[in-house]
Amino acid sequence: MKIKKMYNPESLPDFYVIETLDGKFFRFNVTPFRKITEKDLIPIPHYVAKGNNALEAFEFIYRFYGLEKVSR
């Protein structure tokens, strides 16, 4: 699954948040540690992304969840 970014928000400690290529935000549970599918994604309609919690330095985490970061 191709995404823009993945976030680790403090307000959702057991979830990661992803931003899709079309600018929508979804959350998914960090456990179990496996490749995620679209059925694992829970929409977040009013999420405000904060740059300081983006997982930019940990791109290997993207691969563990079956995600690919695409810069646009």
PDB file of N, CA and C in Angstrom:
ATOM      1  N   MET A   1       0.844  -1.161   0.000  1.00  0.00           N
ATOM      2  CA  MET A   1       0.000   0.000   0.000  1.00  0.00           C
ATOM      3  C   MET A   1       0.898   1.234   0.000  1.00  0.00           C
ATOM      4  N   LYS A   2       0.644   2.162  -0.891  1.00  0.00           N
ATOM      5  CA  LYS A   2       1.450   3.372  -1.006  1.00  0.00           C
ATOM      6  C   LYS A   2       0.819   4.484  -0.181  1.00  0.00           C
ATOM      7  N   ILE A   3       1.660   5.176   0.606  1.00  0.00           N
ATOM      8  CA  ILE A   3       1.187   6.252   1.477  1.00  0.00           C
ATOM      9  C   ILE A   3       2.140   7.443   1.403  1.00  0.00           C
ATOM     10  N   LYS A   4       1.680   8.595   1.915  1.00  0.00           N
ATOM     11  CA  LYS A   4       2.544   9.778   2.005  1.00  0.00           C
ATOM     12  C   LYS A   4       3.415   9.708   3.250  1.00  0.00           C
ATOM     13  N   LYS A   5       2.767   9.539   4.425  1.00  0.00           N
ATOM     14  CA  LYS A   5       3.490   9.532   5.696  1.00  0.00           C
ATOM     15  C   LYS A   5       2.790   8.623   6.693  1.00  0.00           C
ATOM     16  N   MET A   6       3.542   8.279   7.729  1.00  0.00           N
ATOM     17  CA  MET A   6       2.981   7.537   8.846  1.00  0.00           C
ATOM     18  C   MET A   6       3.354   8.292  10.121  1.00  0.00           C
ATOM     19  N   TYR A   7       2.394   8.393  11.042  1.00  0.00           N
ATOM     20  CA  TYR A   7       2.567   9.147  12.276  1.00  0.00           C
ATOM     21  C   TYR A   7       2.386   8.245  13.490  1.00  0.00           C
ATOM     22  N   ASN A   8       3.028   8.640  14.580  1.00  0.00           N
ATOM     23  CA  ASN A   8       2.919   7.958  15.864  1.00  0.00           C
ATOM     24  C   ASN A   8       2.375   8.968  16.879  1.00  0.00           C
ATOM     25  N   PRO A   9       1.053   9.207  16.886  1.00  0.00           N
ATOM     26  CA  PRO A   9       0.500  10.262  17.739  1.00  0.00           C
ATOM     27  C   PRO A   9       0.462   9.872  19.214  1.00  0.00           C
ATOM     28  N   GLU A  10       0.802  10.825  20.074  1.00  0.00           N
ATOM     29  CA  GLU A  10       0.758  10.588  21.516  1.00  0.00           C
ATOM     30  C   GLU A  10      -0.668  10.372  22.001  1.00  0.00           C
ATOM     31  N   SER A  11      -1.641  10.978  21.330  1.00  0.00           N
ATOM     32  CA  SER A  11      -3.034  10.851  21.748  1.00  0.00           C
ATOM     33  C   SER A  11      -3.626   9.475  21.422  1.00  0.00           C
ATOM     34  N   LEU A  12      -2.983   8.719  20.557  1.00  0.00           N
ATOM     35  CA  LEU A  12      -3.418   7.362  20.196  1.00  0.00           C
ATOM     36  C   LEU A  12      -2.239   6.410  20.403  1.00  0.00           C
ATOM     37  N   PRO A  13      -1.927   6.057  21.650  1.00  0.00           N
ATOM     38  CA  PRO A  13      -0.684   5.324  21.919  1.00  0.00           C
ATOM     39  C   PRO A  13      -0.591   3.929  21.306  1.00  0.00           C
ATOM     40  N   ASP A  14      -1.701   3.279  21.032  1.00  0.00           N
ATOM     41  CA  ASP A  14      -1.652   1.922  20.466  1.00  0.00           C
ATOM     42  C   ASP A  14      -1.877   1.903  18.963  1.00  0.00           C
ATOM     43  N   PHE A  15      -1.831   3.060  18.335  1.00  0.00           N
ATOM     44  CA  PHE A  15      -2.136   3.159  16.910  1.00  0.00           C
ATOM     45  C   PHE A  15      -1.072   3.964  16.183  1.00  0.00           C
ATOM     46  N   TYR A  16      -0.912   3.645  14.899  1.00  0.00           N
ATOM     47  CA  TYR A  16      -0.196   4.501  13.970  1.00  0.00           C
ATOM     48  C   TYR A  16      -1.246   5.116  13.071  1.00  0.00           C
ATOM     49  N   VAL A  17      -0.948   6.287  12.547  1.00  0.00           N
ATOM     50  CA  VAL A  17      -1.836   6.983  11.622  1.00  0.00           C
ATOM     51  C   VAL A  17      -1.111   7.112  10.301  1.00  0.00           C
ATOM     52  N   ILE A  18      -1.802   6.810   9.209  1.00  0.00           N
ATOM     53  CA  ILE A  18      -1.201   6.972   7.890  1.00  0.00           C
ATOM     54  C   ILE A  18      -1.970   8.031   7.118  1.00  0.00           C
ATOM     55  N   GLU A  19      -1.239   8.708   6.249  1.00  0.00           N
ATOM     56  CA  GLU A  19      -1.836   9.656   5.315  1.00  0.00           C
ATOM     57  C   GLU A  19      -1.734   9.044   3.932  1.00  0.00           C
ATOM     58  N   THR A  20      -2.872   8.838   3.288  1.00  0.00           N
ATOM     59  CA  THR A  20      -2.878   8.226   1.962  1.00  0.00           C
ATOM     60  C   THR A  20      -2.500   9.253   0.904  1.00  0.00           C
ATOM     61  N   LEU A  21      -2.299   8.791  -0.305  1.00  0.00           N
ATOM     62  CA  LEU A  21      -1.886   9.672  -1.387  1.00  0.00           C
ATOM     63  C   LEU A  21      -2.937  10.728  -1.707  1.00  0.00           C
ATOM     64  N   ASP A  22      -4.204  10.447  -1.392  1.00  0.00           N
ATOM     65  CA  ASP A  22      -5.261  11.429  -1.659  1.00  0.00           C
ATOM     66  C   ASP A  22      -5.528  12.340  -0.456  1.00  0.00           C
ATOM     67  N   GLY A  23      -4.667  12.295   0.574  1.00  0.00           N
ATOM     68  CA  GLY A  23      -4.757  13.215   1.700  1.00  0.00           C
ATOM     69  C   GLY A  23      -5.682  12.794   2.827  1.00  0.00           C
ATOM     70  N   LYS A  24      -6.192  11.565   2.795  1.00  0.00           N
ATOM     71  CA  LYS A  24      -7.058  11.073   3.867  1.00  0.00           C
ATOM     72  C   LYS A  24      -6.200  10.409   4.946  1.00  0.00           C
ATOM     73  N   PHE A  25      -6.729  10.412   6.180  1.00  0.00           N
ATOM     74  CA  PHE A  25      -6.009   9.835   7.304  1.00  0.00           C
ATOM     75  C   PHE A  25      -6.759   8.616   7.839  1.00  0.00           C
ATOM     76  N   PHE A  26      -5.982   7.582   8.184  1.00  0.00           N
ATOM     77  CA  PHE A  26      -6.522   6.355   8.750  1.00  0.00           C
ATOM     78  C   PHE A  26      -5.617   5.920   9.901  1.00  0.00           C
ATOM     79  N   ARG A  27      -6.204   5.224  10.858  1.00  0.00           N
ATOM     80  CA  ARG A  27      -5.398   4.665  11.943  1.00  0.00           C
ATOM     81  C   ARG A  27      -5.481   3.145  11.891  1.00  0.00           C
ATOM     82  N   PHE A  28      -4.463   2.500  12.439  1.00  0.00           N
ATOM     83  CA  PHE A  28      -4.482   1.047  12.569  1.00  0.00           C
ATOM     84  C   PHE A  28      -3.715   0.677  13.825  1.00  0.00           C
ATOM     85  N   ASN A  29      -4.094  -0.434  14.404  1.00  0.00           N
ATOM     86  CA  ASN A  29      -3.482  -0.911  15.641  1.00  0.00           C
ATOM     87  C   ASN A  29      -2.065  -1.391  15.347  1.00  0.00           C
ATOM     88  N   VAL A  30      -1.120  -1.037  16.218  1.00  0.00           N
ATOM     89  CA  VAL A  30       0.279  -1.416  15.993  1.00  0.00           C
ATOM     90  C   VAL A  30       0.517  -2.909  16.230  1.00  0.00           C
ATOM     91  N   THR A  31      -0.390  -3.568  16.924  1.00  0.00           N
ATOM     92  CA  THR A  31      -0.286  -5.018  17.112  1.00  0.00           C
ATOM     93  C   THR A  31      -1.519  -5.685  16.529  1.00  0.00           C
ATOM     94  N   PRO A  32      -1.435  -6.805  15.928  1.00  0.00           N
ATOM     95  CA  PRO A  32      -0.223  -7.600  15.748  1.00  0.00           C
ATOM     96  C   PRO A  32       0.684  -6.983  14.687  1.00  0.00           C
ATOM     97  N   PHE A  33       1.954  -7.260  14.812  1.00  0.00           N
ATOM     98  CA  PHE A  33       2.990  -6.709  13.949  1.00  0.00           C
ATOM     99  C   PHE A  33       3.013  -7.507  12.657  1.00  0.00           C
ATOM    100  N   ARG A  34       2.263  -7.043  11.656  1.00  0.00           N
ATOM    101  CA  ARG A  34       2.127  -7.770  10.391  1.00  0.00           C
ATOM    102  C   ARG A  34       1.755  -6.795   9.289  1.00  0.00           C
ATOM    103  N   LYS A  35       1.742  -7.281   8.072  1.00  0.00           N
ATOM    104  CA  LYS A  35       1.307  -6.441   6.958  1.00  0.00           C
ATOM    105  C   LYS A  35      -0.177  -6.139   7.135  1.00  0.00           C
ATOM    106  N   ILE A  36      -0.524  -4.867   6.997  1.00  0.00           N
ATOM    107  CA  ILE A  36      -1.912  -4.471   7.172  1.00  0.00           C
ATOM    108  C   ILE A  36      -2.641  -4.500   5.830  1.00  0.00           C
ATOM    109  N   THR A  37      -3.955  -4.605   5.909  1.00  0.00           N
ATOM    110  CA  THR A  37      -4.799  -4.557   4.726  1.00  0.00           C
ATOM    111  C   THR A  37      -5.766  -3.391   4.890  1.00  0.00           C
ATOM    112  N   GLU A  38      -6.532  -3.115   3.867  1.00  0.00           N
ATOM    113  CA  GLU A  38      -7.475  -1.998   3.938  1.00  0.00           C
ATOM    114  C   GLU A  38      -8.543  -2.222   5.001  1.00  0.00           C
ATOM    115  N   LYS A  39      -8.859  -3.464   5.318  1.00  0.00           N
ATOM    116  CA  LYS A  39      -9.874  -3.708   6.345  1.00  0.00           C
ATOM    117  C   LYS A  39      -9.346  -3.388   7.750  1.00  0.00           C
ATOM    118  N   ASP A  40      -8.024  -3.267   7.916  1.00  0.00           N
ATOM    119  CA  ASP A  40      -7.430  -2.887   9.198  1.00  0.00           C
ATOM    120  C   ASP A  40      -7.495  -1.382   9.449  1.00  0.00           C
ATOM    121  N   LEU A  41      -7.778  -0.607   8.415  1.00  0.00           N
ATOM    122  CA  LEU A  41      -7.729   0.850   8.508  1.00  0.00           C
ATOM    123  C   LEU A  41      -9.047   1.421   9.021  1.00  0.00           C
ATOM    124  N   ILE A  42      -8.938   2.341   9.975  1.00  0.00           N
ATOM    125  CA  ILE A  42     -10.095   3.022  10.555  1.00  0.00           C
ATOM    126  C   ILE A  42      -9.978   4.498  10.163  1.00  0.00           C
ATOM    127  N   PRO A  43     -10.975   5.049   9.459  1.00  0.00           N
ATOM    128  CA  PRO A  43     -10.867   6.441   9.016  1.00  0.00           C
ATOM    129  C   PRO A  43     -10.847   7.429  10.175  1.00  0.00           C
ATOM    130  N   ILE A  44     -10.071   8.490  10.000  1.00  0.00           N
ATOM    131  CA  ILE A  44     -10.024   9.601  10.959  1.00  0.00           C
ATOM    132  C   ILE A  44     -10.360  10.857  10.157  1.00  0.00           C
ATOM    133  N   PRO A  45     -11.617  11.313  10.200  1.00  0.00           N
ATOM    134  CA  PRO A  45     -12.020  12.411   9.319  1.00  0.00           C
ATOM    135  C   PRO A  45     -11.408  13.772   9.639  1.00  0.00           C
ATOM    136  N   HIS A  46     -11.065  14.056  10.889  1.00  0.00           N
ATOM    137  CA  HIS A  46     -10.592  15.402  11.243  1.00  0.00           C
ATOM    138  C   HIS A  46      -9.224  15.371  11.901  1.00  0.00           C
ATOM    139  N   TYR A  47      -8.333  14.550  11.406  1.00  0.00           N
ATOM    140  CA  TYR A  47      -7.003  14.437  11.995  1.00  0.00           C
ATOM    141  C   TYR A  47      -6.137  15.606  11.552  1.00  0.00           C
ATOM    142  N   VAL A  48      -5.383  16.160  12.473  1.00  0.00           N
ATOM    143  CA  VAL A  48      -4.434  17.237  12.168  1.00  0.00           C
ATOM    144  C   VAL A  48      -3.027  16.662  12.347  1.00  0.00           C
ATOM    145  N   ALA A  49      -2.316  16.545  11.250  1.00  0.00           N
ATOM    146  CA  ALA A  49      -0.974  15.962  11.284  1.00  0.00           C
ATOM    147  C   ALA A  49       0.011  16.944  11.885  1.00  0.00           C
ATOM    148  N   LYS A  50       0.845  16.439  12.769  1.00  0.00           N
ATOM    149  CA  LYS A  50       1.908  17.239  13.370  1.00  0.00           C
ATOM    150  C   LYS A  50       3.239  16.655  12.915  1.00  0.00           C
ATOM    151  N   GLY A  51       4.088  17.487  12.374  1.00  0.00           N
ATOM    152  CA  GLY A  51       5.353  17.025  11.815  1.00  0.00           C
ATOM    153  C   GLY A  51       6.282  16.370  12.812  1.00  0.00           C
ATOM    154  N   ASN A  52       6.174  16.729  14.087  1.00  0.00           N
ATOM    155  CA  ASN A  52       7.121  16.195  15.060  1.00  0.00           C
ATOM    156  C   ASN A  52       6.848  14.745  15.440  1.00  0.00           C
ATOM    157  N   ASN A  53       5.725  14.176  15.060  1.00  0.00           N
ATOM    158  CA  ASN A  53       5.481  12.782  15.386  1.00  0.00           C
ATOM    159  C   ASN A  53       5.470  11.890  14.139  1.00  0.00           C
ATOM    160  N   ALA A  54       5.974  12.411  13.027  1.00  0.00           N
ATOM    161  CA  ALA A  54       6.072  11.606  11.811  1.00  0.00           C
ATOM    162  C   ALA A  54       7.215  10.609  11.960  1.00  0.00           C
ATOM    163  N   LEU A  55       7.025   9.435  11.418  1.00  0.00           N
ATOM    164  CA  LEU A  55       8.042   8.382  11.504  1.00  0.00           C
ATOM    165  C   LEU A  55       8.974   8.440  10.295  1.00  0.00           C
ATOM    166  N   GLU A  56       9.548   9.599  10.048  1.00  0.00           N
ATOM    167  CA  GLU A  56      10.417   9.779   8.892  1.00  0.00           C
ATOM    168  C   GLU A  56      11.718   8.999   9.027  1.00  0.00           C
ATOM    169  N   ALA A  57      12.298   8.989  10.192  1.00  0.00           N
ATOM    170  CA  ALA A  57      13.602   8.359  10.377  1.00  0.00           C
ATOM    171  C   ALA A  57      13.510   6.840  10.458  1.00  0.00           C
ATOM    172  N   PHE A  58      12.318   6.323  10.578  1.00  0.00           N
ATOM    173  CA  PHE A  58      12.134   4.881  10.782  1.00  0.00           C
ATOM    174  C   PHE A  58      11.396   4.248   9.616  1.00  0.00           C
ATOM    175  N   GLU A  59      11.919   4.446   8.426  1.00  0.00           N
ATOM    176  CA  GLU A  59      11.221   3.939   7.248  1.00  0.00           C
ATOM    177  C   GLU A  59      11.182   2.414   7.200  1.00  0.00           C
ATOM    178  N   PHE A  60      12.022   1.732   7.961  1.00  0.00           N
ATOM    179  CA  PHE A  60      11.966   0.273   7.994  1.00  0.00           C
ATOM    180  C   PHE A  60      10.634  -0.194   8.596  1.00  0.00           C
ATOM    181  N   ILE A  61      10.029   0.634   9.445  1.00  0.00           N
ATOM    182  CA  ILE A  61       8.731   0.282  10.032  1.00  0.00           C
ATOM    183  C   ILE A  61       7.665   0.201   8.942  1.00  0.00           C
ATOM    184  N   TYR A  62       7.768   1.058   7.928  1.00  0.00           N
ATOM    185  CA  TYR A  62       6.821   1.026   6.822  1.00  0.00           C
ATOM    186  C   TYR A  62       6.794  -0.370   6.199  1.00  0.00           C
ATOM    187  N   ARG A  63       7.972  -0.932   5.956  1.00  0.00           N
ATOM    188  CA  ARG A  63       8.067  -2.248   5.314  1.00  0.00           C
ATOM    189  C   ARG A  63       7.458  -3.342   6.167  1.00  0.00           C
ATOM    190  N   PHE A  64       7.628  -3.266   7.499  1.00  0.00           N
ATOM    191  CA  PHE A  64       7.059  -4.288   8.375  1.00  0.00           C
ATOM    192  C   PHE A  64       5.548  -4.354   8.256  1.00  0.00           C
ATOM    193  N   TYR A  65       4.914  -3.224   7.991  1.00  0.00           N
ATOM    194  CA  TYR A  65       3.460  -3.177   7.847  1.00  0.00           C
ATOM    195  C   TYR A  65       3.012  -3.263   6.395  1.00  0.00           C
ATOM    196  N   GLY A  66       3.930  -3.474   5.478  1.00  0.00           N
ATOM    197  CA  GLY A  66       3.583  -3.617   4.068  1.00  0.00           C
ATOM    198  C   GLY A  66       3.250  -2.297   3.403  1.00  0.00           C
ATOM    199  N   LEU A  67       3.859  -1.217   3.889  1.00  0.00           N
ATOM    200  CA  LEU A  67       3.577   0.114   3.355  1.00  0.00           C
ATOM    201  C   LEU A  67       4.792   0.613   2.566  1.00  0.00           C
ATOM    202  N   GLU A  68       4.515   1.499   1.628  1.00  0.00           N
ATOM    203  CA  GLU A  68       5.585   2.112   0.839  1.00  0.00           C
ATOM    204  C   GLU A  68       5.374   3.615   0.851  1.00  0.00           C
ATOM    205  N   LYS A  69       6.380   4.341   1.283  1.00  0.00           N
ATOM    206  CA  LYS A  69       6.298   5.801   1.315  1.00  0.00           C
ATOM    207  C   LYS A  69       6.592   6.350  -0.062  1.00  0.00           C
ATOM    208  N   VAL A  70       5.683   7.179  -0.549  1.00  0.00           N
ATOM    209  CA  VAL A  70       5.821   7.821  -1.852  1.00  0.00           C
ATOM    210  C   VAL A  70       5.851   9.316  -1.614  1.00  0.00           C
ATOM    211  N   SER A  71       6.891   9.979  -2.054  1.00  0.00           N
ATOM    212  CA  SER A  71       6.955  11.425  -1.870  1.00  0.00           C
ATOM    213  C   SER A  71       6.299  12.109  -3.051  1.00  0.00           C
ATOM    214  N   ARG A  72       5.419  13.035  -2.728  1.00  0.00           N
ATOM    215  CA  ARG A  72       4.708  13.803  -3.772  1.00  0.00           C
ATOM    216  C   ARG A  72       4.784  15.237  -3.457  1.00  0.00           C
TER     217      ARG A  72
END
